[in-house]
Amino acid sequence: EENPITYNKGLSNYPNPVNSSTTIKYELKSPAYVSLKLYDMVGNQVAVIFEGYQNSGIQQVSYDTKDNSGMPLASGSYVYELNVSPTDMAGNNAFSPFLLRNVMVIVR
């Protein structure tokens, strides 16, 4: 089965390390429901960066390095996780659900 993330694009953020804001970039081969979340290094979810439907193509999501309550995150390493689910109906799935992770370093 094909990966819904375009292989040569992957999942990345820039700048990295980041101070106050970063852009997370990836490319979808097909329309999908996307969940993009941030976790600290012990696995606690600290932020939901994006959750919703996205069309195929290059996606860019801006993130202001704040937690779910709006407080700036402390310096350190964090894992961001992209969870992609197909949106096709009636068993005509373009791909299976897919999960991809990467590391973001915040420097204050």
PDB file of N, CA and C in Angstrom:
ATOM      1  N   GLU A   1       0.831  -1.181   0.000  1.00  0.00           N
ATOM      2  CA  GLU A   1       0.000   0.000   0.000  1.00  0.00           C
ATOM      3  C   GLU A   1       0.871   1.237   0.000  1.00  0.00           C
ATOM      4  N   GLU A   2       0.390   2.254  -0.651  1.00  0.00           N
ATOM      5  CA  GLU A   2       1.173   3.464  -0.777  1.00  0.00           C
ATOM      6  C   GLU A   2       1.073   4.352   0.452  1.00  0.00           C
ATOM      7  N   ASN A   3       2.168   4.988   0.748  1.00  0.00           N
ATOM      8  CA  ASN A   3       2.246   5.970   1.816  1.00  0.00           C
ATOM      9  C   ASN A   3       1.518   7.241   1.348  1.00  0.00           C
ATOM     10  N   PRO A   4       0.608   7.795   2.146  1.00  0.00           N
ATOM     11  CA  PRO A   4      -0.101   8.997   1.721  1.00  0.00           C
ATOM     12  C   PRO A   4       0.756  10.252   1.724  1.00  0.00           C
ATOM     13  N   ILE A   5       1.921  10.187   2.337  1.00  0.00           N
ATOM     14  CA  ILE A   5       2.849  11.309   2.329  1.00  0.00           C
ATOM     15  C   ILE A   5       3.791  11.098   1.152  1.00  0.00           C
ATOM     16  N   THR A   6       3.989  12.102   0.349  1.00  0.00           N
ATOM     17  CA  THR A   6       4.895  11.971  -0.779  1.00  0.00           C
ATOM     18  C   THR A   6       6.290  11.648  -0.252  1.00  0.00           C
ATOM     19  N   TYR A   7       6.897  10.608  -0.779  1.00  0.00           N
ATOM     20  CA  TYR A   7       8.162  10.100  -0.251  1.00  0.00           C
ATOM     21  C   TYR A   7       9.285  11.131  -0.242  1.00  0.00           C
ATOM     22  N   ASN A   8       9.459  11.882  -1.314  1.00  0.00           N
ATOM     23  CA  ASN A   8      10.600  12.788  -1.371  1.00  0.00           C
ATOM     24  C   ASN A   8      10.390  14.079  -0.588  1.00  0.00           C
ATOM     25  N   LYS A   9       9.211  14.337  -0.094  1.00  0.00           N
ATOM     26  CA  LYS A   9       8.941  15.553   0.673  1.00  0.00           C
ATOM     27  C   LYS A   9       9.041  15.300   2.175  1.00  0.00           C
ATOM     28  N   GLY A  10       8.492  14.175   2.640  1.00  0.00           N
ATOM     29  CA  GLY A  10       8.553  13.840   4.051  1.00  0.00           C
ATOM     30  C   GLY A  10       7.792  14.806   4.937  1.00  0.00           C
ATOM     31  N   LEU A  11       8.198  14.876   6.171  1.00  0.00           N
ATOM     32  CA  LEU A  11       7.602  15.738   7.185  1.00  0.00           C
ATOM     33  C   LEU A  11       8.730  16.552   7.796  1.00  0.00           C
ATOM     34  N   SER A  12       8.634  17.875   7.713  1.00  0.00           N
ATOM     35  CA  SER A  12       9.705  18.709   8.252  1.00  0.00           C
ATOM     36  C   SER A  12       9.137  20.026   8.768  1.00  0.00           C
ATOM     37  N   ASN A  13       9.935  20.682   9.589  1.00  0.00           N
ATOM     38  CA  ASN A  13       9.565  22.029  10.030  1.00  0.00           C
ATOM     39  C   ASN A  13      10.772  22.942   9.881  1.00  0.00           C
ATOM     40  N   TYR A  14      10.507  24.199   9.603  1.00  0.00           N
ATOM     41  CA  TYR A  14      11.574  25.176   9.479  1.00  0.00           C
ATOM     42  C   TYR A  14      11.093  26.497  10.048  1.00  0.00           C
ATOM     43  N   PRO A  15      11.910  27.250  10.727  1.00  0.00           N
ATOM     44  CA  PRO A  15      13.263  26.829  11.101  1.00  0.00           C
ATOM     45  C   PRO A  15      13.226  25.761  12.199  1.00  0.00           C
ATOM     46  N   ASN A  16      14.294  25.032  12.317  1.00  0.00           N
ATOM     47  CA  ASN A  16      14.452  24.043  13.382  1.00  0.00           C
ATOM     48  C   ASN A  16      15.929  23.985  13.718  1.00  0.00           C
ATOM     49  N   PRO A  17      16.377  24.458  14.876  1.00  0.00           N
ATOM     50  CA  PRO A  17      15.613  24.841  16.057  1.00  0.00           C
ATOM     51  C   PRO A  17      14.761  26.095  15.820  1.00  0.00           C
ATOM     52  N   VAL A  18      13.728  26.217  16.651  1.00  0.00           N
ATOM     53  CA  VAL A  18      12.747  27.279  16.517  1.00  0.00           C
ATOM     54  C   VAL A  18      12.695  28.099  17.801  1.00  0.00           C
ATOM     55  N   ASN A  19      12.412  29.400  17.665  1.00  0.00           N
ATOM     56  CA  ASN A  19      12.261  30.254  18.832  1.00  0.00           C
ATOM     57  C   ASN A  19      10.788  30.489  19.111  1.00  0.00           C
ATOM     58  N   SER A  20      10.111  31.251  18.264  1.00  0.00           N
ATOM     59  CA  SER A  20       8.726  31.613  18.565  1.00  0.00           C
ATOM     60  C   SER A  20       7.703  31.048  17.583  1.00  0.00           C
ATOM     61  N   SER A  21       8.107  30.739  16.351  1.00  0.00           N
ATOM     62  CA  SER A  21       7.162  30.144  15.409  1.00  0.00           C
ATOM     63  C   SER A  21       7.909  29.327  14.360  1.00  0.00           C
ATOM     64  N   THR A  22       7.211  28.358  13.816  1.00  0.00           N
ATOM     65  CA  THR A  22       7.778  27.478  12.806  1.00  0.00           C
ATOM     66  C   THR A  22       6.694  27.088  11.812  1.00  0.00           C
ATOM     67  N   THR A  23       7.098  26.586  10.669  1.00  0.00           N
ATOM     68  CA  THR A  23       6.170  26.097   9.660  1.00  0.00           C
ATOM     69  C   THR A  23       6.425  24.618   9.451  1.00  0.00           C
ATOM     70  N   ILE A  24       5.390  23.818   9.608  1.00  0.00           N
ATOM     71  CA  ILE A  24       5.486  22.377   9.391  1.00  0.00           C
ATOM     72  C   ILE A  24       4.972  22.102   7.987  1.00  0.00           C
ATOM     73  N   LYS A  25       5.761  21.361   7.214  1.00  0.00           N
ATOM     74  CA  LYS A  25       5.445  21.160   5.806  1.00  0.00           C
ATOM     75  C   LYS A  25       5.440  19.676   5.459  1.00  0.00           C
ATOM     76  N   TYR A  26       4.465  19.283   4.630  1.00  0.00           N
ATOM     77  CA  TYR A  26       4.364  17.914   4.117  1.00  0.00           C
ATOM     78  C   TYR A  26       3.483  17.956   2.879  1.00  0.00           C
ATOM     79  N   GLU A  27       3.470  16.881   2.138  1.00  0.00           N
ATOM     80  CA  GLU A  27       2.652  16.818   0.925  1.00  0.00           C
ATOM     81  C   GLU A  27       1.792  15.566   0.963  1.00  0.00           C
ATOM     82  N   LEU A  28       0.498  15.730   0.721  1.00  0.00           N
ATOM     83  CA  LEU A  28      -0.447  14.613   0.693  1.00  0.00           C
ATOM     84  C   LEU A  28      -0.708  14.182  -0.745  1.00  0.00           C
ATOM     85  N   LYS A  29      -0.705  12.881  -0.994  1.00  0.00           N
ATOM     86  CA  LYS A  29      -1.002  12.368  -2.333  1.00  0.00           C
ATOM     87  C   LYS A  29      -2.494  12.372  -2.620  1.00  0.00           C
ATOM     88  N   SER A  30      -3.309  12.274  -1.566  1.00  0.00           N
ATOM     89  CA  SER A  30      -4.767  12.226  -1.700  1.00  0.00           C
ATOM     90  C   SER A  30      -5.391  13.065  -0.608  1.00  0.00           C
ATOM     91  N   PRO A  31      -6.647  13.517  -0.778  1.00  0.00           N
ATOM     92  CA  PRO A  31      -7.337  14.216   0.308  1.00  0.00           C
ATOM     93  C   PRO A  31      -7.380  13.318   1.551  1.00  0.00           C
ATOM     94  N   ALA A  32      -7.301  13.933   2.724  1.00  0.00           N
ATOM     95  CA  ALA A  32      -7.230  13.150   3.949  1.00  0.00           C
ATOM     96  C   ALA A  32      -7.684  13.961   5.148  1.00  0.00           C
ATOM     97  N   TYR A  33      -8.031  13.243   6.219  1.00  0.00           N
ATOM     98  CA  TYR A  33      -8.273  13.871   7.513  1.00  0.00           C
ATOM     99  C   TYR A  33      -6.931  13.832   8.235  1.00  0.00           C
ATOM    100  N   VAL A  34      -6.467  14.987   8.688  1.00  0.00           N
ATOM    101  CA  VAL A  34      -5.134  15.121   9.255  1.00  0.00           C
ATOM    102  C   VAL A  34      -5.210  15.578  10.701  1.00  0.00           C
ATOM    103  N   SER A  35      -4.400  14.959  11.537  1.00  0.00           N
ATOM    104  CA  SER A  35      -4.236  15.372  12.924  1.00  0.00           C
ATOM    105  C   SER A  35      -2.749  15.609  13.148  1.00  0.00           C
ATOM    106  N   LEU A  36      -2.378  16.806  13.586  1.00  0.00           N
ATOM    107  CA  LEU A  36      -0.993  17.166  13.831  1.00  0.00           C
ATOM    108  C   LEU A  36      -0.876  17.598  15.287  1.00  0.00           C
ATOM    109  N   LYS A  37      -0.158  16.796  16.074  1.00  0.00           N
ATOM    110  CA  LYS A  37      -0.061  17.036  17.522  1.00  0.00           C
ATOM    111  C   LYS A  37       1.396  17.089  17.962  1.00  0.00           C
ATOM    112  N   LEU A  38       1.625  17.766  19.080  1.00  0.00           N
ATOM    113  CA  LEU A  38       2.963  17.927  19.640  1.00  0.00           C
ATOM    114  C   LEU A  38       3.024  17.269  21.011  1.00  0.00           C
ATOM    115  N   TYR A  39       4.112  16.538  21.264  1.00  0.00           N
ATOM    116  CA  TYR A  39       4.314  15.820  22.521  1.00  0.00           C
ATOM    117  C   TYR A  39       5.659  16.186  23.124  1.00  0.00           C
ATOM    118  N   ASP A  40       5.720  16.217  24.468  1.00  0.00           N
ATOM    119  CA  ASP A  40       7.020  16.389  25.115  1.00  0.00           C
ATOM    120  C   ASP A  40       7.755  15.051  25.058  1.00  0.00           C
ATOM    121  N   MET A  41       8.978  15.010  25.543  1.00  0.00           N
ATOM    122  CA  MET A  41       9.803  13.814  25.389  1.00  0.00           C
ATOM    123  C   MET A  41       9.392  12.647  26.287  1.00  0.00           C
ATOM    124  N   VAL A  42       8.470  12.859  27.216  1.00  0.00           N
ATOM    125  CA  VAL A  42       7.959  11.732  28.011  1.00  0.00           C
ATOM    126  C   VAL A  42       6.610  11.253  27.487  1.00  0.00           C
ATOM    127  N   GLY A  43       6.135  11.865  26.391  1.00  0.00           N
ATOM    128  CA  GLY A  43       4.920  11.392  25.743  1.00  0.00           C
ATOM    129  C   GLY A  43       3.644  12.124  26.084  1.00  0.00           C
ATOM    130  N   ASN A  44       3.722  13.204  26.851  1.00  0.00           N
ATOM    131  CA  ASN A  44       2.528  13.987  27.164  1.00  0.00           C
ATOM    132  C   ASN A  44       2.170  14.890  25.986  1.00  0.00           C
ATOM    133  N   GLN A  45       0.914  14.865  25.572  1.00  0.00           N
ATOM    134  CA  GLN A  45       0.475  15.767  24.506  1.00  0.00           C
ATOM    135  C   GLN A  45       0.451  17.188  25.056  1.00  0.00           C
ATOM    136  N   VAL A  46       1.153  18.103  24.392  1.00  0.00           N
ATOM    137  CA  VAL A  46       1.194  19.490  24.862  1.00  0.00           C
ATOM    138  C   VAL A  46       0.432  20.439  23.947  1.00  0.00           C
ATOM    139  N   ALA A  47       0.204  20.042  22.681  1.00  0.00           N
ATOM    140  CA  ALA A  47      -0.517  20.930  21.762  1.00  0.00           C
ATOM    141  C   ALA A  47      -1.145  20.155  20.614  1.00  0.00           C
ATOM    142  N   VAL A  48      -2.331  20.595  20.222  1.00  0.00           N
ATOM    143  CA  VAL A  48      -2.943  20.151  18.969  1.00  0.00           C
ATOM    144  C   VAL A  48      -2.683  21.287  17.985  1.00  0.00           C
ATOM    145  N   ILE A  49      -1.820  21.033  17.029  1.00  0.00           N
ATOM    146  CA  ILE A  49      -1.408  22.065  16.084  1.00  0.00           C
ATOM    147  C   ILE A  49      -2.447  22.242  14.984  1.00  0.00           C
ATOM    148  N   PHE A  50      -2.978  21.128  14.485  1.00  0.00           N
ATOM    149  CA  PHE A  50      -4.005  21.173  13.443  1.00  0.00           C
ATOM    150  C   PHE A  50      -4.808  19.877  13.494  1.00  0.00           C
ATOM    151  N   GLU A  51      -6.097  20.005  13.209  1.00  0.00           N
ATOM    152  CA  GLU A  51      -6.943  18.824  13.096  1.00  0.00           C
ATOM    153  C   GLU A  51      -8.053  19.166  12.117  1.00  0.00           C
ATOM    154  N   GLY A  52      -8.134  18.391  11.029  1.00  0.00           N
ATOM    155  CA  GLY A  52      -9.176  18.643  10.050  1.00  0.00           C
ATOM    156  C   GLY A  52      -8.858  18.046   8.698  1.00  0.00           C
ATOM    157  N   TYR A  53      -9.728  18.329   7.744  1.00  0.00           N
ATOM    158  CA  TYR A  53      -9.613  17.823   6.388  1.00  0.00           C
ATOM    159  C   TYR A  53      -8.629  18.676   5.587  1.00  0.00           C
ATOM    160  N   GLN A  54      -7.817  18.015   4.743  1.00  0.00           N
ATOM    161  CA  GLN A  54      -6.930  18.731   3.834  1.00  0.00           C
ATOM    162  C   GLN A  54      -6.975  18.071   2.463  1.00  0.00           C
ATOM    163  N   ASN A  55      -6.921  18.876   1.417  1.00  0.00           N
ATOM    164  CA  ASN A  55      -6.853  18.369   0.054  1.00  0.00           C
ATOM    165  C   ASN A  55      -5.462  17.822  -0.233  1.00  0.00           C
ATOM    166  N   SER A  56      -5.324  17.127  -1.343  1.00  0.00           N
ATOM    167  CA  SER A  56      -4.012  16.644  -1.746  1.00  0.00           C
ATOM    168  C   SER A  56      -3.124  17.831  -2.100  1.00  0.00           C
ATOM    169  N   GLY A  57      -1.818  17.597  -2.058  1.00  0.00           N
ATOM    170  CA  GLY A  57      -0.861  18.637  -2.416  1.00  0.00           C
ATOM    171  C   GLY A  57       0.007  19.052  -1.242  1.00  0.00           C
ATOM    172  N   ILE A  58       0.803  20.064  -1.448  1.00  0.00           N
ATOM    173  CA  ILE A  58       1.722  20.561  -0.421  1.00  0.00           C
ATOM    174  C   ILE A  58       0.927  21.282   0.660  1.00  0.00           C
ATOM    175  N   GLN A  59       1.192  20.931   1.894  1.00  0.00           N
ATOM    176  CA  GLN A  59       0.526  21.526   3.051  1.00  0.00           C
ATOM    177  C   GLN A  59       1.560  22.242   3.914  1.00  0.00           C
ATOM    178  N   GLN A  60       1.205  23.413   4.408  1.00  0.00           N
ATOM    179  CA  GLN A  60       2.053  24.160   5.328  1.00  0.00           C
ATOM    180  C   GLN A  60       1.198  24.618   6.499  1.00  0.00           C
ATOM    181  N   VAL A  61       1.621  24.259   7.695  1.00  0.00           N
ATOM    182  CA  VAL A  61       0.889  24.617   8.907  1.00  0.00           C
ATOM    183  C   VAL A  61       1.814  25.440   9.796  1.00  0.00           C
ATOM    184  N   SER A  62       1.409  26.650  10.136  1.00  0.00           N
ATOM    185  CA  SER A  62       2.195  27.504  11.030  1.00  0.00           C
ATOM    186  C   SER A  62       1.887  27.143  12.475  1.00  0.00           C
ATOM    187  N   TYR A  63       2.929  27.171  13.310  1.00  0.00           N
ATOM    188  CA  TYR A  63       2.766  26.848  14.724  1.00  0.00           C
ATOM    189  C   TYR A  63       3.546  27.847  15.564  1.00  0.00           C
ATOM    190  N   ASP A  64       2.897  28.410  16.590  1.00  0.00           N
ATOM    191  CA  ASP A  64       3.469  29.483  17.412  1.00  0.00           C
ATOM    192  C   ASP A  64       4.184  29.002  18.673  1.00  0.00           C
ATOM    193  N   THR A  65       4.504  27.745  18.796  1.00  0.00           N
ATOM    194  CA  THR A  65       5.222  27.116  19.924  1.00  0.00           C
ATOM    195  C   THR A  65       4.566  27.382  21.281  1.00  0.00           C
ATOM    196  N   LYS A  66       3.225  27.368  21.296  1.00  0.00           N
ATOM    197  CA  LYS A  66       2.490  27.493  22.556  1.00  0.00           C
ATOM    198  C   LYS A  66       1.746  26.190  22.829  1.00  0.00           C
ATOM    199  N   ASP A  67       1.491  25.925  24.114  1.00  0.00           N
ATOM    200  CA  ASP A  67       0.761  24.719  24.473  1.00  0.00           C
ATOM    201  C   ASP A  67      -0.746  24.920  24.281  1.00  0.00           C
ATOM    202  N   ASN A  68      -1.530  23.906  24.632  1.00  0.00           N
ATOM    203  CA  ASN A  68      -2.982  23.968  24.447  1.00  0.00           C
ATOM    204  C   ASN A  68      -3.644  25.095  25.240  1.00  0.00           C
ATOM    205  N   SER A  69      -3.008  25.553  26.315  1.00  0.00           N
ATOM    206  CA  SER A  69      -3.588  26.630  27.114  1.00  0.00           C
ATOM    207  C   SER A  69      -3.074  28.017  26.703  1.00  0.00           C
ATOM    208  N   GLY A  70      -2.234  28.068  25.655  1.00  0.00           N
ATOM    209  CA  GLY A  70      -1.741  29.346  25.160  1.00  0.00           C
ATOM    210  C   GLY A  70      -0.442  29.821  25.779  1.00  0.00           C
ATOM    211  N   MET A  71       0.176  28.987  26.611  1.00  0.00           N
ATOM    212  CA  MET A  71       1.442  29.355  27.248  1.00  0.00           C
ATOM    213  C   MET A  71       2.620  28.936  26.372  1.00  0.00           C
ATOM    214  N   PRO A  72       3.658  29.784  26.276  1.00  0.00           N
ATOM    215  CA  PRO A  72       4.843  29.417  25.490  1.00  0.00           C
ATOM    216  C   PRO A  72       5.512  28.167  26.069  1.00  0.00           C
ATOM    217  N   LEU A  73       5.940  27.274  25.195  1.00  0.00           N
ATOM    218  CA  LEU A  73       6.622  26.063  25.638  1.00  0.00           C
ATOM    219  C   LEU A  73       8.049  26.368  26.059  1.00  0.00           C
ATOM    220  N   ALA A  74       8.560  25.597  26.995  1.00  0.00           N
ATOM    221  CA  ALA A  74       9.935  25.748  27.463  1.00  0.00           C
ATOM    222  C   ALA A  74      10.906  25.236  26.403  1.00  0.00           C
ATOM    223  N   SER A  75      12.155  25.669  26.502  1.00  0.00           N
ATOM    224  CA  SER A  75      13.192  25.154  25.620  1.00  0.00           C
ATOM    225  C   SER A  75      13.294  23.651  25.778  1.00  0.00           C
ATOM    226  N   GLY A  76      13.571  22.971  24.678  1.00  0.00           N
ATOM    227  CA  GLY A  76      13.737  21.526  24.733  1.00  0.00           C
ATOM    228  C   GLY A  76      13.336  20.872  23.427  1.00  0.00           C
ATOM    229  N   SER A  77      13.391  19.553  23.430  1.00  0.00           N
ATOM    230  CA  SER A  77      13.019  18.772  22.256  1.00  0.00           C
ATOM    231  C   SER A  77      11.591  18.275  22.404  1.00  0.00           C
ATOM    232  N   TYR A  78      10.853  18.302  21.302  1.00  0.00           N
ATOM    233  CA  TYR A  78       9.466  17.862  21.260  1.00  0.00           C
ATOM    234  C   TYR A  78       9.263  17.003  20.014  1.00  0.00           C
ATOM    235  N   VAL A  79       8.330  16.088  20.091  1.00  0.00           N
ATOM    236  CA  VAL A  79       7.999  15.242  18.953  1.00  0.00           C
ATOM    237  C   VAL A  79       6.670  15.707  18.382  1.00  0.00           C
ATOM    238  N   TYR A  80       6.644  15.980  17.077  1.00  0.00           N
ATOM    239  CA  TYR A  80       5.360  16.279  16.449  1.00  0.00           C
ATOM    240  C   TYR A  80       4.949  15.083  15.606  1.00  0.00           C
ATOM    241  N   GLU A  81       3.653  14.812  15.643  1.00  0.00           N
ATOM    242  CA  GLU A  81       3.109  13.592  15.056  1.00  0.00           C
ATOM    243  C   GLU A  81       2.016  13.939  14.055  1.00  0.00           C
ATOM    244  N   LEU A  82       2.157  13.426  12.858  1.00  0.00           N
ATOM    245  CA  LEU A  82       1.179  13.620  11.792  1.00  0.00           C
ATOM    246  C   LEU A  82       0.430  12.307  11.597  1.00  0.00           C
ATOM    247  N   ASN A  83      -0.880  12.335  11.843  1.00  0.00           N
ATOM    248  CA  ASN A  83      -1.726  11.158  11.686  1.00  0.00           C
ATOM    249  C   ASN A  83      -2.656  11.433  10.509  1.00  0.00           C
ATOM    250  N   VAL A  84      -2.567  10.608   9.474  1.00  0.00           N
ATOM    251  CA  VAL A  84      -3.310  10.826   8.238  1.00  0.00           C
ATOM    252  C   VAL A  84      -4.274   9.675   8.012  1.00  0.00           C
ATOM    253  N   SER A  85      -5.557   9.991   7.810  1.00  0.00           N
ATOM    254  CA  SER A  85      -6.586   8.980   7.549  1.00  0.00           C
ATOM    255  C   SER A  85      -7.274   9.290   6.223  1.00  0.00           C
ATOM    256  N   PRO A  86      -7.585   8.259   5.431  1.00  0.00           N
ATOM    257  CA  PRO A  86      -8.246   8.496   4.144  1.00  0.00           C
ATOM    258  C   PRO A  86      -9.654   9.046   4.339  1.00  0.00           C
ATOM    259  N   THR A  87     -10.125   9.766   3.325  1.00  0.00           N
ATOM    260  CA  THR A  87     -11.476  10.323   3.403  1.00  0.00           C
ATOM    261  C   THR A  87     -12.414   9.706   2.375  1.00  0.00           C
ATOM    262  N   ASP A  88     -11.916   8.763   1.565  1.00  0.00           N
ATOM    263  CA  ASP A  88     -12.772   8.112   0.572  1.00  0.00           C
ATOM    264  C   ASP A  88     -13.833   7.275   1.266  1.00  0.00           C
ATOM    265  N   MET A  89     -14.976   7.131   0.625  1.00  0.00           N
ATOM    266  CA  MET A  89     -16.110   6.400   1.192  1.00  0.00           C
ATOM    267  C   MET A  89     -16.302   5.053   0.495  1.00  0.00           C
ATOM    268  N   ALA A  90     -17.158   4.243   1.054  1.00  0.00           N
ATOM    269  CA  ALA A  90     -17.636   2.988   0.470  1.00  0.00           C
ATOM    270  C   ALA A  90     -16.511   2.008   0.147  1.00  0.00           C
ATOM    271  N   GLY A  91     -15.498   1.937   1.007  1.00  0.00           N
ATOM    272  CA  GLY A  91     -14.436   0.954   0.836  1.00  0.00           C
ATOM    273  C   GLY A  91     -13.460   1.247  -0.278  1.00  0.00           C
ATOM    274  N   ASN A  92     -13.522   2.416  -0.868  1.00  0.00           N
ATOM    275  CA  ASN A  92     -12.622   2.775  -1.953  1.00  0.00           C
ATOM    276  C   ASN A  92     -11.467   3.613  -1.405  1.00  0.00           C
ATOM    277  N   ASN A  93     -10.783   3.091  -0.401  1.00  0.00           N
ATOM    278  CA  ASN A  93      -9.715   3.849   0.251  1.00  0.00           C
ATOM    279  C   ASN A  93      -8.519   4.037  -0.666  1.00  0.00           C
ATOM    280  N   ALA A  94      -8.017   5.249  -0.751  1.00  0.00           N
ATOM    281  CA  ALA A  94      -6.828   5.546  -1.537  1.00  0.00           C
ATOM    282  C   ALA A  94      -5.578   5.029  -0.827  1.00  0.00           C
ATOM    283  N   PHE A  95      -5.642   4.889   0.493  1.00  0.00           N
ATOM    284  CA  PHE A  95      -4.511   4.408   1.281  1.00  0.00           C
ATOM    285  C   PHE A  95      -4.993   4.021   2.671  1.00  0.00           C
ATOM    286  N   SER A  96      -4.146   3.331   3.412  1.00  0.00           N
ATOM    287  CA  SER A  96      -4.445   2.989   4.803  1.00  0.00           C
ATOM    288  C   SER A  96      -4.040   4.156   5.698  1.00  0.00           C
ATOM    289  N   PRO A  97      -4.627   4.254   6.893  1.00  0.00           N
ATOM    290  CA  PRO A  97      -4.190   5.308   7.822  1.00  0.00           C
ATOM    291  C   PRO A  97      -2.680   5.237   8.029  1.00  0.00           C
ATOM    292  N   PHE A  98      -2.079   6.385   8.266  1.00  0.00           N
ATOM    293  CA  PHE A  98      -0.629   6.465   8.340  1.00  0.00           C
ATOM    294  C   PHE A  98      -0.208   7.442   9.429  1.00  0.00           C
ATOM    295  N   LEU A  99       0.912   7.155  10.086  1.00  0.00           N
ATOM    296  CA  LEU A  99       1.434   7.980  11.174  1.00  0.00           C
ATOM    297  C   LEU A  99       2.900   8.274  10.903  1.00  0.00           C
ATOM    298  N   LEU A 100       3.294   9.533  11.068  1.00  0.00           N
ATOM    299  CA  LEU A 100       4.680   9.931  10.861  1.00  0.00           C
ATOM    300  C   LEU A 100       5.080  10.903  11.960  1.00  0.00           C
ATOM    301  N   ARG A 101       6.321  10.769  12.452  1.00  0.00           N
ATOM    302  CA  ARG A 101       6.800  11.630  13.552  1.00  0.00           C
ATOM    303  C   ARG A 101       8.130  12.276  13.174  1.00  0.00           C
ATOM    304  N   ASN A 102       8.376  13.423  13.806  1.00  0.00           N
ATOM    305  CA  ASN A 102       9.662  14.111  13.653  1.00  0.00           C
ATOM    306  C   ASN A 102       9.925  14.910  14.928  1.00  0.00           C
ATOM    307  N   VAL A 103      11.151  15.389  15.074  1.00  0.00           N
ATOM    308  CA  VAL A 103      11.546  16.120  16.279  1.00  0.00           C
ATOM    309  C   VAL A 103      11.705  17.604  15.978  1.00  0.00           C
ATOM    310  N   MET A 104      11.180  18.417  16.904  1.00  0.00           N
ATOM    311  CA  MET A 104      11.295  19.875  16.844  1.00  0.00           C
ATOM    312  C   MET A 104      12.067  20.318  18.092  1.00  0.00           C
ATOM    313  N   VAL A 105      13.028  21.198  17.918  1.00  0.00           N
ATOM    314  CA  VAL A 105      13.794  21.726  19.047  1.00  0.00           C
ATOM    315  C   VAL A 105      13.409  23.183  19.242  1.00  0.00           C
ATOM    316  N   ILE A 106      12.958  23.502  20.464  1.00  0.00           N
ATOM    317  CA  ILE A 106      12.605  24.878  20.804  1.00  0.00           C
ATOM    318  C   ILE A 106      13.718  25.479  21.647  1.00  0.00           C
ATOM    319  N   VAL A 107      14.187  26.656  21.238  1.00  0.00           N
ATOM    320  CA  VAL A 107      15.249  27.364  21.950  1.00  0.00           C
ATOM    321  C   VAL A 107      14.732  28.747  22.301  1.00  0.00           C
ATOM    322  N   ARG A 108      14.712  29.060  23.572  1.00  0.00           N
ATOM    323  CA  ARG A 108      14.224  30.379  24.020  1.00  0.00           C
ATOM    324  C   ARG A 108      15.386  31.270  24.404  1.00  0.00           C
TER     325      ARG A 108
END
